[in-house]
Structures are given as C-alpha cells and as structure tokens.
Amino acid sequence: MDLARWLIEPATRGLAVEDALTQLVEQWNARGLALTRARLSIPTLHPAIYVQRLTWTREHGARLFLPQHEIVHTPGFLDSPVPLIQAGSGPIRCKLDGPDADLRWEICRDLAAAGNTEYACLPLILGDGRRSYCSFATDRPGGFVDAALDEVIALLPDLSAWLELKAAQLAHRGLLEVYLGKSAAARVLTGEVRRGTGAAIHAAIWTCDLRGFTALSDAVPAPEVVATLDRYFEAVAGPIDDHGGEVLKFIGDAVLAIFPVGDGSRADACGRALRAAAAALDAMATHLPALGLGIALHVGEVMFGNIGARQRLDFTVIGAAVNEACRMESMCKALGVPLIVSARFAAELGGAGLASLGEHALRGVARPQELFTTRSLLAG
C-alpha cells in the first residue's frame, strides 16, 4: 500500500483518528517496525485542552487522551524529547538497551523497563510553522530496522498534512462545542444553520443570576471581577454538565441552561436539574461564600434553534417556558430563597423533598403561579 496516497483518500479522511492510527500501525508493522507503542500529538484550539494525544499500544490498541494545558509544566513533559522537537530538533532516536543505551529521558527509562529496545521521536511540521510530533517504540532485538524507520521519516510531510486536516476538524468541532454547547454544535455541524430553523424539544430549564455582583463590580478592579466571574461560572456550569445539562449562554452574570428530556422522561430531566442546582449551591458556598445565587427551574416545551440577524445568529431556546423561568428567578430575592422551582417541575418529581412557597404573580404571566423550593433550604 502507498501510504502517502492512502492518507489523502476520501475514505481515510473520514476515519476516526483512532482507526486511522490503528491502520497505519498495521502497515508499519507489516514493513518490519515491530511497534509496541505509537503516538501522534494533534494540536487543538481549546481553552482547556492542550493537545489531543492519540496513543496506540500493543496491549490496548488506539486510545485518545486530552491532556490540559498544565501538562507543559509537568516533569513528564519537561523530561522528554518533546520540548526539543517543538524547539526545532530533527528526528531523535534512542537505543534503550545494550552499552549504547540512551536513557536520559523519563520516557526512555520507562520504555526500557518494559522491554523495549529503541525509541524514536519525529517532528511533524504544520503549514503555519507549528511543530507537533509522533513517536514510536519497538521491542525488536537490535531496535528499529533502519529502512523501515526511514520510510516513516519520508512519510512525515504527508503525515503532517493529514494531521493538520484532522487538527482543523477537531478544532472546528471543539470550538463550536465550547462556544455553543455540545447539542447546538452537533446541530450546526449537521447543517442546521439557517435563521428560523430548529426543533421543538421538551427540557428542564435552568436560569440563574448572581447576587451582589453589581456591588462587587463597583468595589474591585476589573481583572478581579473577571476572575470571580470565572469561578462562579465554573461552580455553576460544572454541575450542569456533570448532570447531563447544557449551558446555552452566559448573559452578564446570568446563565441559561437546559436538561433535554431526549429518550428519557421529564421526571429524569427534572431530577438531574435539581441535583445540579444543589451541587452548584454547595460549590458557591464553598468557593464564593460572600456572593449569593438565585436559581429557577422549570420544565416545558421550547424551540431549540437559530434566531437573530442574517449576519449574526444565536443558537438558543425560546418559548413561554423560558420566559416563565426567567420571571421565576427574579422571585428568589423577594422570597429569600436561593432556589425556586415551578409547580409543573414539582409535579414531575411528585413533590418529593419540596415545599410550597405559595402563589405569586409573575411579570407577564396571566395567572399567579405556585412556587416551590426544597425543604432542606427552608430548614437551613
């Protein structure tokens, strides 16, 4: 097989990165490399993820890892040939056994202890000048067959081009997920991009707002305000994500999120939303005790799709249930509780653990609505 041609074939471009690496390893081993381990580092644009690290091992096959940016400060990264490759080094080969063994790096010592005989770290140079790498280990007596490794080195420009394409695809999806959320990103990637398009879905709806933010903004420098907002959003968005919800937007210090019903039940979506709210309140009490939080939870049908101007769209939810949730959230301060849920939401949970706060008029809503909170919050 001509691997350079294979890399640019449409069928290959459509492969998941794990499958592509597995097939490459099979071809390289057929050429005599006798690999025990192969790794590709795929650059990415992501606020949390440094690279997408694809590792194949003889024991486990191909697996994708997502190390965070902090990895560049860890001993395992610093005590490796990767910084040299990124700084401009050419191919690095290290014998791992015998009198000429080169065990200066931690990865070499680990691979040698596992019975490997040679390690190679090779540069992958992208079109914009960024440098990534691929690395290989073998347990073949005597190390790599020079001719077989030379074939890999000759393939590096083609492998770099393939890697750049995959990096762009992954960055495209990753950035959409970061800025839109996973569900919205998936819909956009499948072509749901025209204004006015969308679908009616059932979901538990979350709105929340920070208490004391205006006073904080007036009292401390802007960088401290931003840092506080980041901690607040992490305290809220983390539990939402952990419980199967999706943050749709940050509006100043407010958050709009949904817990789609999907293939489950409304009761399940409401239960997940309520557990996420409890976790968020706990996180705020632990990390930002000086600031309060008001959360409103509702459930109903919403339109999930594109709205906006021709040149600037927003993928969000709209509908009467969203409006009602926003009106409910404003009652948290008036009623002195950090969490309010609607009667419809409470009914989905059979009222378990909830206590009525009575009926209250909501701005823009025709009839007074009965509101609830958790008994534990009232007891506290």
Foldseek 3Di string as FASTA:
>chain_A
DPVLVVLPDPVNLPDDPLVNVLVVVVVLVVVPQQFQKKWWWFQADAQFFGTWIWMAGPVPGIDTDTHGPCVCVDLLNVQDCFVVLQVPDAKDKAFLDDPRGDDSGPVSPVVSVVQWGMKMKGWAAAPVGGITIMMTIHNPVVHGDVVSVVVVNVCRPSVSVSSNSVRVVVNQLNVCCVQANNVQSVCVVVPQPDAPDFDKFKWKKKKKAKAPLVVVPVPDDPVVSVVVLVLLCCLQVVLCVVLQKIWGDCDPSMTIIIRTCPPHDLLSRLVSVVVSVVSSQVSCCVPPVVMAMAMEIEIDMWTFGWHDDRVDIGGGTDDPRNVVRVQVSVCCVVLVHRYKYFPRSCVSNVVPQKDWPQWDDGPPDDGTTIIIDGPVRVVD
